[in-house]
Each structure stands twice: as structure tokens, then as C-alpha cells.
Amino acid sequence: METRFAQRLLLLHETCSRIARLVDRGRRAFNTDEALFDACQLGIVRLNSDLERLGPDWLHAHPQLPRTEVRGLRNRIGHDYHSVDPEVLWRVVSVCVPELHQSLREEITAAKTSLA
């Protein structure tokens, strides 16, 4: 695996892990803590960027990834963050991101191995 690509996969892994730690605080905290809500929004912005850095060929080869949800939510956050639906944000960070992360486990492991 190319070094730069492996590094980009590990950045994606770190972003997913950060989002998971935010989700671990629970839905109640998400609903009541503005900083947690904002951190989840930033996580989606980072995640979208991390995915884009992997390139269109890689994205095309991974149609199972929730790209539409991540990209759409990132655009909402970037252009009209006051209108982000908390239900949509929570679903993406608590369901879509973990599914994405799990689906990439083998590639992430390969990236770690190639950089070791």
C-alpha cells in the first residue's frame, strides 16, 4: 500500500474513533451539551474531508459507504449550520459512522501494517 494513501486511511480511522468517543457520551449529553453537538458537527466536516482525500477512484470502489449522508450533512453544516437537524446528526454519528468504520477495518489494519 502506498505510504500517503495508508496515512490518509489512518486519518480517517482517527476521525471515526474521535466521533465514536463523542457518541459514547450518550444521547442525553448530545441533547444537552452544546459543545458536544458542535464537536459532532466538526467530526462530520473532518470525516467528509478525510473521505475526499482518498480519491474518487477509491470512493467509487466503495459504494457501500454512506457518502450521501456524510456529504449532505457536511454541506448543511458548512452552509447553514443553524438548521442542522439534531436527529439527523445523531443518526449519522451514531449509526452511519460506526458502520463506515467497521466496513473499513481490514483496510485500516493493512494501512497500519504497511506503515509499521
Protein backbone atom coordinates (compact mmCIF):
# COMPACT_ATOMS: atom_id res chain seq x y z
CA MET A 1 0.00 0.00 0.00
CA GLU A 2 1.30 3.44 -0.90
CA THR A 3 2.51 5.35 2.18
CA ARG A 4 0.50 8.50 1.53
CA PHE A 5 -2.70 6.52 0.97
CA ALA A 6 -2.11 4.47 4.14
CA GLN A 7 -1.60 7.69 6.11
CA ARG A 8 -4.87 9.06 4.75
CA LEU A 9 -6.71 5.89 5.76
CA LEU A 10 -5.31 6.25 9.27
CA LEU A 11 -6.53 9.85 9.43
CA LEU A 12 -9.98 8.57 8.51
CA HIS A 13 -9.66 5.93 11.22
CA GLU A 14 -8.73 8.59 13.79
CA THR A 15 -11.70 10.77 12.81
CA CYS A 16 -14.10 7.82 13.14
CA SER A 17 -12.56 6.97 16.52
CA ARG A 18 -12.99 10.56 17.72
CA ILE A 19 -16.62 10.56 16.65
CA ALA A 20 -17.12 7.23 18.45
CA ARG A 21 -15.75 8.75 21.67
CA LEU A 22 -18.23 11.62 21.33
CA VAL A 23 -21.12 9.20 20.76
CA ASP A 24 -20.01 7.20 23.82
CA ARG A 25 -21.04 10.17 25.95
CA GLY A 26 -24.63 9.27 25.09
CA ARG A 27 -27.71 10.76 23.58
CA ARG A 28 -28.64 12.69 26.71
CA ALA A 29 -25.30 14.51 26.69
CA PHE A 30 -25.67 15.14 22.96
CA ASN A 31 -29.08 16.72 23.57
CA THR A 32 -27.93 18.96 26.43
CA ASP A 33 -24.29 19.84 25.75
CA GLU A 34 -23.83 22.43 23.00
CA ALA A 35 -20.10 21.76 22.83
CA LEU A 36 -20.75 18.06 22.19
CA PHE A 37 -23.26 18.90 19.46
CA ASP A 38 -20.75 21.25 17.85
CA ALA A 39 -17.96 18.66 18.15
CA CYS A 40 -20.13 16.13 16.33
CA GLN A 41 -20.68 18.64 13.54
CA LEU A 42 -16.94 19.23 13.26
CA GLY A 43 -16.41 15.48 13.18
CA ILE A 44 -18.65 15.22 10.13
CA VAL A 45 -16.77 18.03 8.37
CA ARG A 46 -13.47 16.24 9.08
CA LEU A 47 -14.87 12.88 8.03
CA ASN A 48 -16.05 14.24 4.69
CA SER A 49 -12.62 15.75 4.04
CA ASP A 50 -10.88 12.52 5.03
CA LEU A 51 -13.05 10.56 2.62
CA GLU A 52 -12.47 13.00 -0.23
CA ARG A 53 -8.70 12.78 0.27
CA LEU A 54 -8.87 9.07 -0.53
CA GLY A 55 -9.81 10.00 -4.09
CA PRO A 56 -12.69 9.43 -6.49
CA ASP A 57 -11.44 6.03 -7.66
CA TRP A 58 -11.33 4.70 -4.12
CA LEU A 59 -14.74 6.18 -3.31
CA HIS A 60 -16.20 4.66 -6.48
CA ALA A 61 -14.82 1.27 -5.44
CA HIS A 62 -16.61 1.58 -2.06
CA PRO A 63 -20.27 2.24 -2.91
CA GLN A 64 -21.39 0.78 0.43
CA LEU A 65 -20.07 3.80 2.31
CA PRO A 66 -22.69 6.34 3.48
CA ARG A 67 -21.18 9.09 1.34
CA THR A 68 -24.51 10.72 0.53
CA GLU A 69 -25.37 11.12 4.21
CA VAL A 70 -21.93 12.38 5.19
CA ARG A 71 -21.57 14.78 2.25
CA GLY A 72 -25.12 16.10 2.56
CA LEU A 73 -24.77 16.72 6.28
CA ARG A 74 -21.35 18.32 5.79
CA ASN A 75 -22.87 20.71 3.25
CA ARG A 76 -25.68 21.59 5.65
CA ILE A 77 -23.16 22.23 8.44
CA GLY A 78 -20.93 24.30 6.18
CA HIS A 79 -23.63 26.43 4.63
CA ASP A 80 -26.48 26.61 7.14
CA TYR A 81 -25.28 25.20 10.47
CA HIS A 82 -28.19 26.74 12.35
CA SER A 83 -30.59 24.44 10.54
CA VAL A 84 -28.84 21.12 11.28
CA ASP A 85 -31.46 18.65 12.47
CA PRO A 86 -30.19 17.06 15.71
CA GLU A 87 -31.96 13.79 14.82
CA VAL A 88 -30.13 13.57 11.51
CA LEU A 89 -26.77 14.46 13.05
CA TRP A 90 -27.21 11.88 15.82
CA ARG A 91 -28.21 9.16 13.34
CA VAL A 92 -25.18 9.85 11.18
CA VAL A 93 -22.66 9.93 14.05
CA SER A 94 -24.20 7.03 15.98
CA VAL A 95 -25.17 4.69 13.10
CA CYS A 96 -23.58 5.66 9.77
CA VAL A 97 -20.10 6.48 11.05
CA PRO A 98 -19.70 3.25 13.05
CA GLU A 99 -20.91 1.25 10.03
CA LEU A 100 -18.42 3.06 7.80
CA HIS A 101 -15.62 2.48 10.30
CA GLN A 102 -16.43 -1.20 10.63
CA SER A 103 -16.57 -1.71 6.87
CA LEU A 104 -13.02 -0.35 6.58
CA ARG A 105 -11.44 -2.43 9.39
CA GLU A 106 -9.44 -4.66 7.02
CA GLU A 107 -8.10 -1.71 5.02
CA ILE A 108 -7.22 0.17 8.20
CA THR A 109 -5.35 -2.88 9.52
CA ALA A 110 -3.49 -3.16 6.20
CA ALA A 111 -2.59 0.54 6.38
CA LYS A 112 -1.21 0.13 9.91
CA THR A 113 0.81 -2.89 8.80
CA SER A 114 2.23 -1.12 5.76
CA LEU A 115 3.41 1.81 7.88
CA ALA A 116 4.92 -0.32 10.65
